[in-house]
N, C-alpha and C. Protein backbone atom coordinates (compact mmCIF):
# COMPACT_ATOMS: atom_id res chain seq x y z
N UNK A 1 29.66 -68.70 10.79
CA UNK A 1 28.30 -68.70 10.40
C UNK A 1 27.47 -67.75 11.27
N UNK A 2 27.78 -67.82 12.57
CA UNK A 2 27.11 -66.92 13.49
C UNK A 2 27.43 -65.45 13.17
N UNK A 3 28.63 -65.19 12.80
CA UNK A 3 29.04 -63.84 12.45
C UNK A 3 28.27 -63.36 11.21
N UNK A 4 28.09 -64.26 10.29
CA UNK A 4 27.36 -63.90 9.07
C UNK A 4 25.89 -63.64 9.40
N UNK A 5 25.32 -64.40 10.32
CA UNK A 5 23.94 -64.21 10.72
C UNK A 5 23.76 -62.89 11.44
N UNK A 6 24.72 -62.58 12.36
CA UNK A 6 24.67 -61.28 13.07
C UNK A 6 24.79 -60.12 12.10
N UNK A 7 25.70 -60.28 11.14
CA UNK A 7 25.88 -59.21 10.16
C UNK A 7 24.61 -59.03 9.34
N UNK A 8 23.96 -60.12 8.98
CA UNK A 8 22.72 -60.04 8.20
C UNK A 8 21.62 -59.39 9.03
N UNK A 9 21.54 -59.75 10.33
CA UNK A 9 20.55 -59.13 11.21
C UNK A 9 20.80 -57.63 11.37
N UNK A 10 22.08 -57.27 11.55
CA UNK A 10 22.43 -55.84 11.67
C UNK A 10 22.11 -55.09 10.39
N UNK A 11 22.44 -55.71 9.28
CA UNK A 11 22.12 -55.07 7.99
C UNK A 11 20.61 -54.90 7.83
N UNK A 12 19.85 -55.92 8.23
CA UNK A 12 18.38 -55.82 8.14
C UNK A 12 17.86 -54.74 9.08
N UNK A 13 18.40 -54.69 10.32
CA UNK A 13 18.00 -53.67 11.28
C UNK A 13 18.34 -52.27 10.75
N UNK A 14 19.54 -52.14 10.21
CA UNK A 14 19.97 -50.85 9.65
C UNK A 14 19.08 -50.45 8.47
N UNK A 15 18.73 -51.42 7.65
CA UNK A 15 17.86 -51.15 6.51
C UNK A 15 16.48 -50.69 6.99
N UNK A 16 15.95 -51.33 8.04
CA UNK A 16 14.65 -50.94 8.60
C UNK A 16 14.74 -49.53 9.19
N UNK A 17 15.82 -49.24 9.90
CA UNK A 17 15.99 -47.90 10.49
C UNK A 17 16.10 -46.84 9.40
N UNK A 18 16.81 -47.15 8.32
CA UNK A 18 16.93 -46.20 7.21
C UNK A 18 15.56 -45.97 6.55
N UNK A 19 14.78 -47.05 6.41
CA UNK A 19 13.44 -46.90 5.82
C UNK A 19 12.54 -46.05 6.73
N UNK A 20 12.64 -46.27 8.04
CA UNK A 20 11.86 -45.46 8.99
C UNK A 20 12.29 -44.00 8.89
N UNK A 21 13.60 -43.76 8.81
CA UNK A 21 14.11 -42.40 8.69
C UNK A 21 13.62 -41.75 7.40
N UNK A 22 13.67 -42.50 6.28
CA UNK A 22 13.20 -41.98 4.99
C UNK A 22 11.71 -41.65 5.05
N UNK A 23 10.92 -42.51 5.71
CA UNK A 23 9.48 -42.26 5.83
C UNK A 23 9.21 -41.01 6.68
N UNK A 24 10.00 -40.82 7.75
CA UNK A 24 9.84 -39.61 8.56
C UNK A 24 10.22 -38.37 7.77
N UNK A 25 11.30 -38.48 6.99
CA UNK A 25 11.71 -37.35 6.15
C UNK A 25 10.64 -37.05 5.10
N UNK A 26 10.08 -38.10 4.51
CA UNK A 26 9.03 -37.91 3.51
C UNK A 26 7.80 -37.27 4.15
N UNK A 27 7.43 -37.73 5.35
CA UNK A 27 6.30 -37.14 6.06
C UNK A 27 6.56 -35.67 6.37
N UNK A 28 7.78 -35.36 6.84
CA UNK A 28 8.17 -33.98 7.15
C UNK A 28 8.12 -33.12 5.89
N UNK A 29 8.62 -33.66 4.78
CA UNK A 29 8.62 -32.92 3.51
C UNK A 29 7.18 -32.69 3.04
N UNK A 30 6.33 -33.70 3.16
CA UNK A 30 4.92 -33.55 2.77
C UNK A 30 4.23 -32.47 3.61
N UNK A 31 4.53 -32.44 4.91
CA UNK A 31 3.95 -31.42 5.77
C UNK A 31 4.42 -30.03 5.35
N UNK A 32 5.70 -29.90 5.02
CA UNK A 32 6.22 -28.60 4.58
C UNK A 32 5.60 -28.16 3.26
N UNK A 33 5.43 -29.11 2.34
CA UNK A 33 4.81 -28.79 1.05
C UNK A 33 3.36 -28.35 1.27
N UNK A 34 2.64 -29.07 2.13
CA UNK A 34 1.25 -28.71 2.42
C UNK A 34 1.17 -27.32 3.06
N UNK A 35 2.08 -27.04 3.97
CA UNK A 35 2.12 -25.73 4.61
C UNK A 35 2.41 -24.63 3.59
N UNK A 36 3.34 -24.89 2.69
CA UNK A 36 3.65 -23.90 1.65
C UNK A 36 2.45 -23.67 0.73
N UNK A 37 1.76 -24.73 0.36
CA UNK A 37 0.57 -24.58 -0.48
C UNK A 37 -0.51 -23.77 0.25
N UNK A 38 -0.67 -24.02 1.54
CA UNK A 38 -1.67 -23.28 2.31
C UNK A 38 -1.31 -21.80 2.36
N UNK A 39 -0.02 -21.50 2.54
CA UNK A 39 0.40 -20.10 2.58
C UNK A 39 0.21 -19.43 1.22
N UNK A 40 0.47 -20.14 0.16
CA UNK A 40 0.27 -19.58 -1.18
C UNK A 40 -1.22 -19.30 -1.40
N UNK A 41 -2.10 -20.24 -1.02
CA UNK A 41 -3.54 -20.01 -1.17
C UNK A 41 -3.99 -18.83 -0.32
N UNK A 42 -3.44 -18.74 0.87
CA UNK A 42 -3.79 -17.62 1.76
C UNK A 42 -3.36 -16.29 1.15
N UNK A 43 -2.17 -16.26 0.58
CA UNK A 43 -1.69 -15.03 -0.06
C UNK A 43 -2.54 -14.68 -1.28
N UNK A 44 -2.92 -15.69 -2.06
CA UNK A 44 -3.77 -15.45 -3.23
C UNK A 44 -5.14 -14.92 -2.80
N UNK A 45 -5.70 -15.50 -1.74
CA UNK A 45 -6.99 -15.03 -1.24
C UNK A 45 -6.90 -13.60 -0.73
N UNK A 46 -5.81 -13.29 -0.03
CA UNK A 46 -5.62 -11.92 0.47
C UNK A 46 -5.49 -10.94 -0.69
N UNK A 47 -4.76 -11.34 -1.73
CA UNK A 47 -4.59 -10.48 -2.89
C UNK A 47 -5.93 -10.27 -3.61
N UNK A 48 -6.71 -11.33 -3.72
CA UNK A 48 -8.03 -11.23 -4.36
C UNK A 48 -8.94 -10.30 -3.55
N UNK A 49 -8.91 -10.45 -2.24
CA UNK A 49 -9.73 -9.60 -1.38
C UNK A 49 -9.28 -8.14 -1.50
N UNK A 50 -7.96 -7.91 -1.55
CA UNK A 50 -7.44 -6.56 -1.68
C UNK A 50 -7.89 -5.93 -3.01
N UNK A 51 -7.90 -6.73 -4.07
CA UNK A 51 -8.36 -6.22 -5.36
C UNK A 51 -9.84 -5.85 -5.30
N UNK A 52 -10.64 -6.68 -4.62
CA UNK A 52 -12.06 -6.38 -4.50
C UNK A 52 -12.28 -5.09 -3.71
N UNK A 53 -11.51 -4.91 -2.63
CA UNK A 53 -11.64 -3.69 -1.83
C UNK A 53 -11.21 -2.48 -2.66
N UNK A 54 -10.13 -2.63 -3.40
CA UNK A 54 -9.66 -1.54 -4.24
C UNK A 54 -10.70 -1.19 -5.31
N UNK A 55 -11.30 -2.20 -5.91
CA UNK A 55 -12.33 -1.96 -6.92
C UNK A 55 -13.53 -1.24 -6.31
N UNK A 56 -13.94 -1.67 -5.11
CA UNK A 56 -15.06 -1.02 -4.44
C UNK A 56 -14.72 0.44 -4.12
N UNK A 57 -13.50 0.67 -3.64
CA UNK A 57 -13.09 2.05 -3.34
C UNK A 57 -13.08 2.91 -4.61
N UNK A 58 -12.62 2.34 -5.72
CA UNK A 58 -12.63 3.09 -6.98
C UNK A 58 -14.05 3.40 -7.43
N UNK A 59 -14.95 2.43 -7.26
CA UNK A 59 -16.34 2.66 -7.64
C UNK A 59 -16.97 3.75 -6.78
N UNK A 60 -16.68 3.72 -5.48
CA UNK A 60 -17.20 4.75 -4.57
C UNK A 60 -16.65 6.11 -4.96
N UNK A 61 -15.34 6.17 -5.26
CA UNK A 61 -14.73 7.45 -5.64
C UNK A 61 -15.35 7.97 -6.93
N UNK A 62 -15.54 7.09 -7.92
CA UNK A 62 -16.16 7.52 -9.19
C UNK A 62 -17.58 8.03 -8.95
N UNK A 63 -18.32 7.32 -8.11
CA UNK A 63 -19.67 7.77 -7.79
C UNK A 63 -19.62 9.15 -7.13
N UNK A 64 -18.70 9.35 -6.20
CA UNK A 64 -18.56 10.64 -5.53
C UNK A 64 -18.22 11.74 -6.52
N UNK A 65 -17.28 11.47 -7.41
CA UNK A 65 -16.87 12.48 -8.40
C UNK A 65 -18.04 12.85 -9.31
N UNK A 66 -18.77 11.82 -9.78
CA UNK A 66 -19.92 12.09 -10.65
C UNK A 66 -20.99 12.90 -9.91
N UNK A 67 -21.25 12.52 -8.67
CA UNK A 67 -22.25 13.25 -7.88
C UNK A 67 -21.80 14.69 -7.65
N UNK A 68 -20.52 14.87 -7.38
CA UNK A 68 -19.99 16.22 -7.15
C UNK A 68 -20.12 17.08 -8.40
N UNK A 69 -19.78 16.51 -9.56
CA UNK A 69 -19.91 17.27 -10.81
C UNK A 69 -21.37 17.59 -11.10
N UNK A 70 -22.25 16.66 -10.83
CA UNK A 70 -23.67 16.90 -11.03
C UNK A 70 -24.15 18.03 -10.13
N UNK A 71 -23.75 18.01 -8.85
CA UNK A 71 -24.14 19.07 -7.92
C UNK A 71 -23.57 20.43 -8.37
N UNK A 72 -22.33 20.43 -8.84
CA UNK A 72 -21.74 21.68 -9.33
C UNK A 72 -22.52 22.21 -10.53
N UNK A 73 -22.89 21.28 -11.43
CA UNK A 73 -23.65 21.71 -12.60
C UNK A 73 -25.01 22.25 -12.20
N UNK A 74 -25.68 21.56 -11.26
CA UNK A 74 -26.98 22.03 -10.79
C UNK A 74 -26.85 23.41 -10.14
N UNK A 75 -25.80 23.62 -9.37
CA UNK A 75 -25.57 24.92 -8.73
C UNK A 75 -25.35 26.00 -9.79
N UNK A 76 -24.59 25.65 -10.82
CA UNK A 76 -24.32 26.60 -11.90
C UNK A 76 -25.61 26.93 -12.65
N UNK A 77 -26.45 25.93 -12.88
CA UNK A 77 -27.67 26.15 -13.66
C UNK A 77 -28.74 26.90 -12.87
N UNK A 78 -28.64 26.97 -11.57
CA UNK A 78 -29.61 27.73 -10.77
C UNK A 78 -29.54 29.22 -11.10
N UNK A 79 -28.35 29.70 -11.39
CA UNK A 79 -28.13 31.12 -11.71
C UNK A 79 -28.71 32.04 -10.64
N UNK A 80 -28.61 31.64 -9.37
CA UNK A 80 -29.19 32.46 -8.31
C UNK A 80 -28.15 33.34 -7.61
N UNK A 81 -26.89 33.21 -8.00
CA UNK A 81 -25.86 34.05 -7.40
C UNK A 81 -25.38 33.56 -6.05
N UNK A 82 -25.94 32.47 -5.57
CA UNK A 82 -25.53 31.94 -4.27
C UNK A 82 -24.30 31.04 -4.44
N UNK A 83 -23.43 31.04 -3.44
CA UNK A 83 -22.22 30.22 -3.56
C UNK A 83 -22.52 28.76 -3.25
N UNK A 84 -21.57 27.92 -3.62
CA UNK A 84 -21.63 26.51 -3.25
C UNK A 84 -21.20 26.42 -1.79
N UNK A 85 -22.06 25.95 -0.90
CA UNK A 85 -21.72 25.93 0.52
C UNK A 85 -20.55 25.00 0.85
N UNK A 86 -20.24 24.07 -0.04
CA UNK A 86 -19.13 23.15 0.21
C UNK A 86 -17.79 23.74 -0.23
N UNK A 87 -17.83 24.91 -0.85
CA UNK A 87 -16.61 25.53 -1.36
C UNK A 87 -16.23 26.74 -0.50
N UNK A 88 -15.23 26.61 0.35
CA UNK A 88 -14.82 27.76 1.18
C UNK A 88 -14.44 29.00 0.37
N UNK A 89 -13.71 28.86 -0.76
CA UNK A 89 -13.41 30.07 -1.54
C UNK A 89 -14.67 30.77 -2.06
N UNK A 90 -15.66 29.98 -2.50
CA UNK A 90 -16.90 30.58 -3.00
C UNK A 90 -17.65 31.29 -1.87
N UNK A 91 -17.67 30.67 -0.69
CA UNK A 91 -18.33 31.29 0.47
C UNK A 91 -17.60 32.59 0.85
N UNK A 92 -16.29 32.56 0.85
CA UNK A 92 -15.51 33.75 1.21
C UNK A 92 -15.78 34.88 0.23
N UNK A 93 -15.77 34.55 -1.06
CA UNK A 93 -16.04 35.57 -2.07
C UNK A 93 -17.43 36.16 -1.90
N UNK A 94 -18.42 35.30 -1.65
CA UNK A 94 -19.79 35.75 -1.46
C UNK A 94 -19.89 36.71 -0.27
N UNK A 95 -19.30 36.32 0.85
CA UNK A 95 -19.36 37.17 2.05
C UNK A 95 -18.59 38.48 1.84
N UNK A 96 -17.47 38.41 1.15
CA UNK A 96 -16.70 39.62 0.88
C UNK A 96 -17.49 40.59 -0.01
N UNK A 97 -18.13 40.05 -1.04
CA UNK A 97 -18.92 40.91 -1.92
C UNK A 97 -20.13 41.50 -1.17
N UNK A 98 -20.70 40.72 -0.28
CA UNK A 98 -21.83 41.21 0.50
C UNK A 98 -21.38 42.35 1.41
N UNK A 99 -20.24 42.20 2.05
CA UNK A 99 -19.75 43.26 2.94
C UNK A 99 -19.34 44.52 2.18
N UNK A 100 -18.83 44.31 0.98
CA UNK A 100 -18.35 45.47 0.22
C UNK A 100 -19.45 46.12 -0.62
N UNK A 101 -20.67 45.62 -0.58
CA UNK A 101 -21.78 46.18 -1.35
C UNK A 101 -22.22 47.51 -0.71
N UNK A 102 -22.09 48.62 -1.43
CA UNK A 102 -22.45 49.92 -0.85
C UNK A 102 -23.96 50.06 -0.60
N UNK A 103 -24.80 49.31 -1.32
CA UNK A 103 -26.25 49.42 -1.12
C UNK A 103 -26.66 48.93 0.26
N UNK A 104 -25.93 47.95 0.78
CA UNK A 104 -26.33 47.38 2.07
C UNK A 104 -26.09 48.36 3.22
N UNK A 105 -25.28 49.37 3.00
CA UNK A 105 -25.04 50.36 4.06
C UNK A 105 -26.14 51.42 4.11
N UNK A 106 -26.88 51.62 3.03
CA UNK A 106 -27.87 52.69 2.97
C UNK A 106 -29.27 52.28 3.42
N UNK A 107 -29.68 51.06 3.13
CA UNK A 107 -31.05 50.69 3.46
C UNK A 107 -31.11 49.24 3.99
N UNK A 108 -32.24 48.91 4.55
CA UNK A 108 -32.44 47.61 5.18
C UNK A 108 -32.88 46.54 4.19
N UNK A 109 -33.51 46.94 3.05
CA UNK A 109 -34.05 45.95 2.11
C UNK A 109 -32.97 45.01 1.54
N UNK A 110 -31.81 45.50 1.09
CA UNK A 110 -30.80 44.56 0.59
C UNK A 110 -30.30 43.62 1.69
N UNK A 111 -30.24 44.13 2.92
CA UNK A 111 -29.79 43.29 4.03
C UNK A 111 -30.79 42.17 4.29
N UNK A 112 -32.07 42.51 4.22
CA UNK A 112 -33.11 41.49 4.44
C UNK A 112 -33.06 40.44 3.32
N UNK A 113 -32.87 40.91 2.09
CA UNK A 113 -32.78 39.99 0.96
C UNK A 113 -31.57 39.06 1.12
N UNK A 114 -30.42 39.65 1.48
CA UNK A 114 -29.20 38.84 1.67
C UNK A 114 -29.35 37.89 2.84
N UNK A 115 -30.06 38.31 3.88
CA UNK A 115 -30.26 37.44 5.03
C UNK A 115 -31.05 36.20 4.61
N UNK A 116 -32.05 36.38 3.78
CA UNK A 116 -32.82 35.23 3.26
C UNK A 116 -31.92 34.30 2.46
N UNK A 117 -31.04 34.89 1.64
CA UNK A 117 -30.11 34.07 0.85
C UNK A 117 -29.16 33.31 1.77
N UNK A 118 -28.66 33.99 2.79
CA UNK A 118 -27.72 33.35 3.72
C UNK A 118 -28.40 32.21 4.47
N UNK A 119 -29.65 32.41 4.86
CA UNK A 119 -30.38 31.33 5.54
C UNK A 119 -30.56 30.12 4.61
N UNK A 120 -30.80 30.40 3.34
CA UNK A 120 -30.91 29.31 2.37
C UNK A 120 -29.57 28.58 2.24
N UNK A 121 -28.48 29.32 2.16
CA UNK A 121 -27.15 28.70 2.08
C UNK A 121 -26.87 27.89 3.34
N UNK A 122 -27.31 28.40 4.48
CA UNK A 122 -27.12 27.68 5.75
C UNK A 122 -27.84 26.33 5.70
N UNK A 123 -29.06 26.33 5.18
CA UNK A 123 -29.81 25.07 5.05
C UNK A 123 -29.06 24.10 4.14
N UNK A 124 -28.48 24.62 3.06
CA UNK A 124 -27.72 23.76 2.15
C UNK A 124 -26.49 23.17 2.86
N UNK A 125 -25.82 23.98 3.66
CA UNK A 125 -24.65 23.49 4.40
C UNK A 125 -25.05 22.37 5.34
N UNK A 126 -26.14 22.54 6.06
CA UNK A 126 -26.61 21.51 6.99
C UNK A 126 -26.97 20.24 6.22
N UNK A 127 -27.66 20.39 5.09
CA UNK A 127 -28.05 19.23 4.29
C UNK A 127 -26.82 18.49 3.78
N UNK A 128 -25.84 19.23 3.26
CA UNK A 128 -24.64 18.59 2.72
C UNK A 128 -23.83 17.91 3.82
N UNK A 129 -23.78 18.52 4.99
CA UNK A 129 -23.03 17.88 6.08
C UNK A 129 -23.72 16.58 6.50
N UNK A 130 -25.05 16.54 6.47
CA UNK A 130 -25.76 15.29 6.79
C UNK A 130 -25.48 14.24 5.72
N UNK A 131 -25.45 14.66 4.47
CA UNK A 131 -25.17 13.71 3.39
C UNK A 131 -23.76 13.14 3.52
N UNK A 132 -22.79 13.97 3.83
CA UNK A 132 -21.41 13.51 4.02
C UNK A 132 -21.35 12.52 5.18
N UNK A 133 -22.06 12.83 6.25
CA UNK A 133 -22.09 11.93 7.42
C UNK A 133 -22.68 10.58 7.03
N UNK A 134 -23.74 10.58 6.23
CA UNK A 134 -24.35 9.33 5.80
C UNK A 134 -23.42 8.53 4.91
N UNK A 135 -22.70 9.20 4.03
CA UNK A 135 -21.74 8.51 3.15
C UNK A 135 -20.64 7.88 3.99
N UNK A 136 -20.17 8.60 4.99
CA UNK A 136 -19.14 8.05 5.87
C UNK A 136 -19.66 6.81 6.59
N UNK A 137 -20.88 6.87 7.09
CA UNK A 137 -21.46 5.71 7.77
C UNK A 137 -21.61 4.52 6.82
N UNK A 138 -21.99 4.77 5.59
CA UNK A 138 -22.13 3.68 4.62
C UNK A 138 -20.80 3.05 4.29
N UNK A 139 -19.75 3.85 4.22
CA UNK A 139 -18.42 3.32 3.90
C UNK A 139 -17.84 2.53 5.06
N UNK A 140 -18.18 2.90 6.28
CA UNK A 140 -17.68 2.19 7.45
C UNK A 140 -18.35 0.84 7.59
N UNK A 141 -19.65 0.80 7.28
CA UNK A 141 -20.40 -0.45 7.46
C UNK A 141 -20.06 -1.49 6.44
């Protein structure tokens, strides 16, 4: 009878230990599931934020392209013969044509006229460089 009682006590103790072990395993599993859910939410938030940044960058690029085309059109419509200061090839061509102009070698009047044009182009270069600097500052902020 005593043996049966000891066996019943051992079985009860073993059953309690197994239940404690199962509860610890369940707690551990719940913690892992919660951690996985948190990581999934974090990844989704990061992806959403990346999409927003990409959209903003695309909008900025589109704005820049539209502004650039508008400036090119305005430069074209001026019909003043001055180059676009932001275009190195246009500036090079302008300076080359100025140097190769035979009229500028004979008298001072064409040189004075060209000097006024060059000063105007210089002002445009300074203005555009300030605008680019401001755009960079706005994108950084």
